[in-house]
Each structure stands twice: as structure tokens, then as C-alpha cells.
N, C-alpha and C. Protein backbone atom coordinates (compact mmCIF):
# COMPACT_ATOMS: atom_id res chain seq x y z
N MET A 1 91.20 51.21 -117.85
CA MET A 1 91.37 51.82 -119.14
C MET A 1 91.92 53.25 -119.01
N VAL A 2 91.41 53.99 -118.01
CA VAL A 2 91.85 55.36 -117.79
C VAL A 2 93.32 55.38 -117.37
N TRP A 3 93.75 54.39 -116.61
CA TRP A 3 95.13 54.31 -116.14
C TRP A 3 96.12 54.19 -117.29
N ILE A 4 95.73 53.56 -118.35
CA ILE A 4 96.60 53.39 -119.52
C ILE A 4 96.63 54.67 -120.35
N MET A 5 95.55 55.38 -120.43
CA MET A 5 95.46 56.58 -121.26
C MET A 5 96.31 57.74 -120.70
N VAL A 6 96.45 57.85 -119.38
CA VAL A 6 97.20 58.96 -118.79
C VAL A 6 98.66 58.93 -119.21
N PRO A 7 99.40 57.81 -119.09
CA PRO A 7 100.80 57.81 -119.54
C PRO A 7 100.93 58.03 -121.04
N VAL A 8 100.04 57.49 -121.83
CA VAL A 8 100.10 57.66 -123.28
C VAL A 8 99.90 59.12 -123.64
N CYS A 9 98.96 59.77 -122.97
CA CYS A 9 98.69 61.18 -123.21
C CYS A 9 99.90 62.03 -122.83
N CYS A 10 100.52 61.75 -121.69
CA CYS A 10 101.71 62.51 -121.25
C CYS A 10 102.87 62.35 -122.22
N ILE A 11 103.10 61.14 -122.67
CA ILE A 11 104.20 60.89 -123.62
C ILE A 11 103.94 61.60 -124.94
N THR A 12 102.71 61.61 -125.41
CA THR A 12 102.37 62.27 -126.66
C THR A 12 102.59 63.78 -126.54
N ILE A 13 102.13 64.39 -125.47
CA ILE A 13 102.31 65.84 -125.28
C ILE A 13 103.79 66.18 -125.18
N PHE A 14 104.56 65.42 -124.43
CA PHE A 14 106.00 65.67 -124.30
C PHE A 14 106.70 65.55 -125.65
N SER A 15 106.33 64.54 -126.44
CA SER A 15 106.93 64.35 -127.76
C SER A 15 106.63 65.52 -128.68
N LEU A 16 105.42 66.02 -128.64
CA LEU A 16 105.06 67.16 -129.47
C LEU A 16 105.80 68.42 -129.06
N GLN A 17 105.99 68.64 -127.77
CA GLN A 17 106.70 69.82 -127.30
C GLN A 17 108.19 69.76 -127.64
N CYS A 18 108.76 68.58 -127.66
CA CYS A 18 110.20 68.44 -127.89
C CYS A 18 110.56 68.22 -129.35
N SER A 19 109.58 68.09 -130.21
CA SER A 19 109.90 67.85 -131.62
C SER A 19 110.50 69.09 -132.24
N ARG A 20 111.38 68.91 -133.19
CA ARG A 20 112.06 70.04 -133.84
C ARG A 20 111.11 70.82 -134.74
N GLY A 21 109.99 70.23 -135.09
CA GLY A 21 109.04 70.90 -135.96
C GLY A 21 108.16 71.89 -135.23
N THR A 22 108.19 71.95 -133.93
CA THR A 22 107.36 72.87 -133.16
C THR A 22 107.94 74.26 -133.28
N THR A 23 107.12 75.21 -133.75
CA THR A 23 107.60 76.59 -133.95
C THR A 23 106.70 77.60 -133.27
N ASP A 24 106.06 77.26 -132.16
CA ASP A 24 105.18 78.21 -131.51
C ASP A 24 105.95 79.25 -130.68
N ALA A 25 107.25 79.09 -130.48
CA ALA A 25 108.05 80.08 -129.76
C ALA A 25 109.10 80.65 -130.70
N PRO A 26 109.35 81.96 -130.62
CA PRO A 26 110.40 82.54 -131.46
C PRO A 26 111.76 81.97 -131.12
N VAL A 27 112.68 82.00 -132.09
CA VAL A 27 114.01 81.43 -131.90
C VAL A 27 114.76 82.13 -130.78
N SER A 28 114.58 83.44 -130.64
CA SER A 28 115.34 84.19 -129.65
C SER A 28 114.66 84.22 -128.28
N SER A 29 113.72 83.33 -128.02
CA SER A 29 112.99 83.38 -126.76
C SER A 29 113.74 82.75 -125.60
N GLY A 30 114.95 82.30 -125.80
CA GLY A 30 115.73 81.71 -124.71
C GLY A 30 115.93 80.23 -124.93
N LEU A 31 116.32 79.54 -123.86
CA LEU A 31 116.60 78.12 -123.96
C LEU A 31 115.31 77.33 -124.13
N TRP A 32 115.36 76.31 -124.96
CA TRP A 32 114.21 75.43 -125.15
C TRP A 32 114.23 74.37 -124.07
N LEU A 33 113.07 73.92 -123.69
CA LEU A 33 112.92 72.96 -122.62
C LEU A 33 113.67 71.66 -122.90
N CYS A 34 113.68 71.20 -124.14
CA CYS A 34 114.18 69.87 -124.46
C CYS A 34 115.62 69.86 -124.95
N GLN A 35 116.31 70.98 -124.97
CA GLN A 35 117.70 71.01 -125.40
C GLN A 35 118.59 71.15 -124.17
N PRO A 36 119.72 70.42 -124.13
CA PRO A 36 120.60 70.54 -122.97
C PRO A 36 121.25 71.93 -122.93
N ALA A 37 121.37 72.49 -121.75
CA ALA A 37 122.00 73.79 -121.57
C ALA A 37 123.51 73.62 -121.65
N PRO A 38 124.20 74.58 -122.30
CA PRO A 38 125.67 74.48 -122.37
C PRO A 38 126.27 74.64 -120.97
N LYS A 39 127.32 73.89 -120.72
CA LYS A 39 127.98 73.93 -119.42
C LYS A 39 129.44 74.31 -119.57
N CYS A 40 129.92 75.00 -118.55
CA CYS A 40 131.33 75.37 -118.45
C CYS A 40 131.79 74.83 -117.11
N GLY A 41 132.42 73.66 -117.14
CA GLY A 41 132.72 72.98 -115.89
C GLY A 41 131.41 72.55 -115.26
N LYS A 42 131.11 73.06 -114.09
CA LYS A 42 129.86 72.74 -113.40
C LYS A 42 128.79 73.81 -113.59
N HIS A 43 129.13 74.92 -114.26
CA HIS A 43 128.22 76.05 -114.38
C HIS A 43 127.51 76.07 -115.73
N ILE A 44 126.23 76.41 -115.71
CA ILE A 44 125.46 76.60 -116.94
C ILE A 44 125.64 78.05 -117.37
N TYR A 45 125.77 78.28 -118.69
CA TYR A 45 125.92 79.64 -119.19
C TYR A 45 125.09 79.86 -120.44
N ASN A 46 124.87 81.12 -120.77
CA ASN A 46 124.10 81.51 -121.95
C ASN A 46 125.07 81.88 -123.07
N PRO A 47 125.19 81.07 -124.13
CA PRO A 47 126.18 81.34 -125.19
C PRO A 47 125.89 82.59 -126.02
N ILE A 48 124.71 83.18 -125.86
CA ILE A 48 124.41 84.42 -126.57
C ILE A 48 125.08 85.60 -125.87
N GLU A 49 125.33 85.47 -124.55
CA GLU A 49 125.91 86.56 -123.78
C GLU A 49 127.26 86.21 -123.15
N GLN A 50 127.61 84.92 -123.10
CA GLN A 50 128.81 84.49 -122.38
C GLN A 50 129.56 83.42 -123.17
N CYS A 51 130.81 83.16 -122.72
CA CYS A 51 131.59 82.06 -123.29
C CYS A 51 132.26 81.31 -122.14
N CYS A 52 132.81 80.16 -122.48
CA CYS A 52 133.54 79.34 -121.51
C CYS A 52 135.01 79.38 -121.90
N ASP A 53 135.85 79.90 -121.01
CA ASP A 53 137.28 79.99 -121.26
C ASP A 53 138.00 79.33 -120.09
N ASP A 54 138.60 78.15 -120.33
CA ASP A 54 139.30 77.40 -119.28
C ASP A 54 138.43 77.21 -118.04
N PHE A 55 137.22 76.69 -118.23
CA PHE A 55 136.27 76.39 -117.16
C PHE A 55 135.83 77.63 -116.39
N THR A 56 135.93 78.81 -117.01
CA THR A 56 135.47 80.06 -116.42
C THR A 56 134.46 80.70 -117.36
N VAL A 57 133.31 81.11 -116.83
CA VAL A 57 132.30 81.79 -117.64
C VAL A 57 132.67 83.27 -117.72
N LEU A 58 132.80 83.78 -118.97
CA LEU A 58 133.17 85.18 -119.20
C LEU A 58 132.10 85.86 -120.05
N PRO A 59 131.88 87.17 -119.86
CA PRO A 59 131.00 87.89 -120.78
C PRO A 59 131.68 88.02 -122.14
N LEU A 60 130.91 88.00 -123.23
CA LEU A 60 131.48 88.06 -124.58
C LEU A 60 132.28 89.32 -124.82
N ASN A 61 131.94 90.41 -124.16
CA ASN A 61 132.63 91.69 -124.43
C ASN A 61 133.84 91.93 -123.53
N GLN A 62 134.24 90.95 -122.73
CA GLN A 62 135.39 91.14 -121.84
C GLN A 62 136.68 91.15 -122.65
N THR A 63 137.59 92.05 -122.28
CA THR A 63 138.92 92.11 -122.91
C THR A 63 139.99 91.94 -121.85
N ARG A 64 141.19 91.57 -122.33
CA ARG A 64 142.36 91.41 -121.45
C ARG A 64 143.58 91.94 -122.19
N LEU A 65 144.66 92.11 -121.44
CA LEU A 65 145.92 92.53 -122.05
C LEU A 65 146.73 91.32 -122.52
N CYS A 66 147.34 91.47 -123.69
CA CYS A 66 148.25 90.46 -124.23
C CYS A 66 149.59 91.18 -124.42
N GLY A 67 150.49 90.95 -123.51
CA GLY A 67 151.73 91.72 -123.54
C GLY A 67 151.51 93.07 -122.89
N PRO A 68 152.44 94.01 -123.10
CA PRO A 68 152.34 95.29 -122.40
C PRO A 68 151.23 96.22 -122.91
N GLY A 69 150.88 96.17 -124.18
CA GLY A 69 149.89 97.14 -124.67
C GLY A 69 149.01 96.62 -125.78
N CYS A 70 148.61 95.40 -125.71
CA CYS A 70 147.81 94.80 -126.77
C CYS A 70 146.56 94.19 -126.13
N ILE A 71 145.40 94.56 -126.61
CA ILE A 71 144.15 94.07 -126.05
C ILE A 71 143.61 92.94 -126.91
N PHE A 72 143.08 91.89 -126.26
CA PHE A 72 142.45 90.80 -126.99
C PHE A 72 141.16 90.39 -126.29
N TRP A 73 140.30 89.68 -127.01
CA TRP A 73 139.01 89.21 -126.50
C TRP A 73 139.13 87.72 -126.19
N PRO A 74 139.17 87.32 -124.90
CA PRO A 74 139.40 85.91 -124.56
C PRO A 74 138.30 84.95 -125.05
N CYS A 75 137.12 85.46 -125.36
CA CYS A 75 136.07 84.58 -125.89
C CYS A 75 136.33 84.20 -127.34
N PHE A 76 137.09 85.02 -128.07
CA PHE A 76 137.29 84.80 -129.50
C PHE A 76 138.75 84.65 -129.91
N GLU A 77 139.67 85.06 -129.05
CA GLU A 77 141.08 85.09 -129.42
C GLU A 77 141.95 84.48 -128.32
N LEU A 78 143.19 84.13 -128.69
CA LEU A 78 144.20 83.62 -127.77
C LEU A 78 145.36 84.60 -127.73
N CYS A 79 145.96 84.77 -126.56
CA CYS A 79 147.19 85.56 -126.44
C CYS A 79 148.33 84.56 -126.44
N CYS A 80 149.19 84.62 -127.47
CA CYS A 80 150.24 83.62 -127.65
C CYS A 80 151.61 84.27 -127.58
N PRO A 81 152.41 83.94 -126.56
CA PRO A 81 153.79 84.45 -126.53
C PRO A 81 154.63 83.72 -127.57
N GLU A 82 155.31 84.47 -128.40
CA GLU A 82 156.15 83.88 -129.45
C GLU A 82 157.61 83.82 -129.04
N SER A 83 158.05 84.77 -128.26
CA SER A 83 159.44 84.76 -127.78
C SER A 83 159.50 85.42 -126.41
N PHE A 84 160.53 85.11 -125.66
CA PHE A 84 160.68 85.62 -124.31
C PHE A 84 161.97 86.42 -124.20
N GLY A 85 162.24 87.01 -123.06
CA GLY A 85 163.45 87.80 -122.86
C GLY A 85 163.18 89.26 -123.14
N PRO A 86 164.24 90.05 -123.41
CA PRO A 86 164.06 91.49 -123.62
C PRO A 86 163.26 91.81 -124.90
N GLN A 87 163.30 90.94 -125.87
CA GLN A 87 162.59 91.17 -127.13
C GLN A 87 161.29 90.35 -127.20
N ARG A 88 160.52 90.37 -126.10
CA ARG A 88 159.29 89.58 -126.06
C ARG A 88 158.37 89.95 -127.22
N LYS A 89 157.76 88.93 -127.81
CA LYS A 89 156.84 89.13 -128.92
C LYS A 89 155.57 88.33 -128.64
N PHE A 90 154.42 88.98 -128.80
CA PHE A 90 153.13 88.33 -128.59
C PHE A 90 152.31 88.38 -129.87
N LEU A 91 151.57 87.31 -130.10
CA LEU A 91 150.64 87.25 -131.22
C LEU A 91 149.23 87.03 -130.68
N VAL A 92 148.25 87.65 -131.30
CA VAL A 92 146.86 87.37 -130.98
C VAL A 92 146.35 86.46 -132.09
N LYS A 93 145.87 85.29 -131.70
CA LYS A 93 145.41 84.30 -132.67
C LYS A 93 143.92 84.03 -132.47
N LEU A 94 143.25 83.72 -133.56
CA LEU A 94 141.82 83.43 -133.50
C LEU A 94 141.57 82.05 -132.92
N LYS A 95 140.53 81.94 -132.09
CA LYS A 95 140.12 80.63 -131.60
C LYS A 95 139.32 79.94 -132.69
N VAL A 96 139.48 78.65 -132.78
CA VAL A 96 138.70 77.85 -133.71
C VAL A 96 137.46 77.38 -132.96
N LEU A 97 136.29 77.86 -133.38
CA LEU A 97 135.06 77.54 -132.67
C LEU A 97 134.76 76.06 -132.73
N GLY A 98 134.27 75.53 -131.62
CA GLY A 98 133.91 74.12 -131.54
C GLY A 98 135.08 73.20 -131.23
N MET A 99 136.28 73.76 -131.10
CA MET A 99 137.46 72.95 -130.81
C MET A 99 138.22 73.58 -129.65
N LYS A 100 139.01 72.78 -128.97
CA LYS A 100 139.88 73.30 -127.92
C LYS A 100 141.08 73.95 -128.62
N SER A 101 141.04 75.27 -128.74
CA SER A 101 142.07 76.00 -129.49
C SER A 101 143.36 76.09 -128.70
N ARG A 102 144.47 75.99 -129.40
CA ARG A 102 145.80 76.12 -128.83
C ARG A 102 146.61 77.04 -129.73
N CYS A 103 147.57 77.72 -129.15
CA CYS A 103 148.37 78.70 -129.90
C CYS A 103 149.05 78.12 -131.15
N PRO A 104 149.70 76.95 -131.09
CA PRO A 104 150.42 76.48 -132.28
C PRO A 104 149.52 76.20 -133.49
N SER A 105 148.26 75.81 -133.24
CA SER A 105 147.41 75.42 -134.36
C SER A 105 146.40 76.50 -134.78
N ALA A 106 146.34 77.64 -134.07
CA ALA A 106 145.35 78.67 -134.38
C ALA A 106 145.88 79.62 -135.46
N PRO A 107 144.98 80.14 -136.30
CA PRO A 107 145.42 81.11 -137.32
C PRO A 107 145.73 82.47 -136.67
N ILE A 108 146.77 83.15 -137.17
CA ILE A 108 147.19 84.43 -136.61
C ILE A 108 146.18 85.51 -136.97
N SER A 109 145.84 86.32 -135.99
CA SER A 109 144.95 87.45 -136.20
C SER A 109 145.77 88.73 -136.36
N ARG A 110 146.71 88.95 -135.43
CA ARG A 110 147.54 90.15 -135.51
C ARG A 110 148.77 90.00 -134.59
N VAL A 111 149.79 90.80 -134.88
CA VAL A 111 151.00 90.84 -134.06
C VAL A 111 150.85 92.01 -133.11
N CYS A 112 151.12 91.78 -131.83
CA CYS A 112 151.03 92.86 -130.84
C CYS A 112 152.26 93.75 -130.94
N PRO A 113 152.09 95.07 -130.79
CA PRO A 113 153.25 95.98 -130.84
C PRO A 113 154.17 95.73 -129.64
N LYS A 114 155.46 96.00 -129.84
CA LYS A 114 156.45 95.77 -128.78
C LYS A 114 156.41 96.85 -127.75
């Protein structure tokens, strides 16, 4: 009889801990035990502090150059070349969250100065 009660007890405790109605921990306390951690390629990352950009984990506050003198945030924006040659033109476009953003389909954020 005891052998049957141990698995039932373990399953019940696990179910209670993983239920969405459990609120004994604050929301900002970190990752929950029963939710899958976000992955970037093979690496786990914290979406509150980092993002995944082309299978690379980046800090949210990292910036890069788009063209000769235009700064963009790779976690939130795309650097899109619009034309090449001596009159190169770059646009910074917003990434669409939850989707694999590409330059042709992203909304324009701003035009980089020449």
C-alpha cells in the first residue's frame, strides 16, 4: 500500500508546483521550474537581459554601426542596405517580435545619414 502512495504523492506535488495558478513566487523571481528556458541555437539565455540574433546571444543594450555613422540596436532593429555604390543608403528597420524579421518585410524606423 505504501509503494502505491509514494508515486501518487510525488505526482500530486509536481502537478501543484507546475500549475499556472501557483503564485507563491513573484513574477520577477527568475525562470520557473516548469517552463522551458529560451534557447538560441544550443545556448540558453535570459530574455530579460539578452536576445538571440542569428544564433548569437547578445545583451539587450548592445549597439552596432549601420553604414558609416548610424547606430542601431541588433536586438530590436535591422540594418538594411537600400542601395550600393558611391551613393550607399542604409535604413534601420524595426524587428517584428516573435517572427524571423527580414529587411523587405520590416517597418522602417529611420533613414541613416549619408
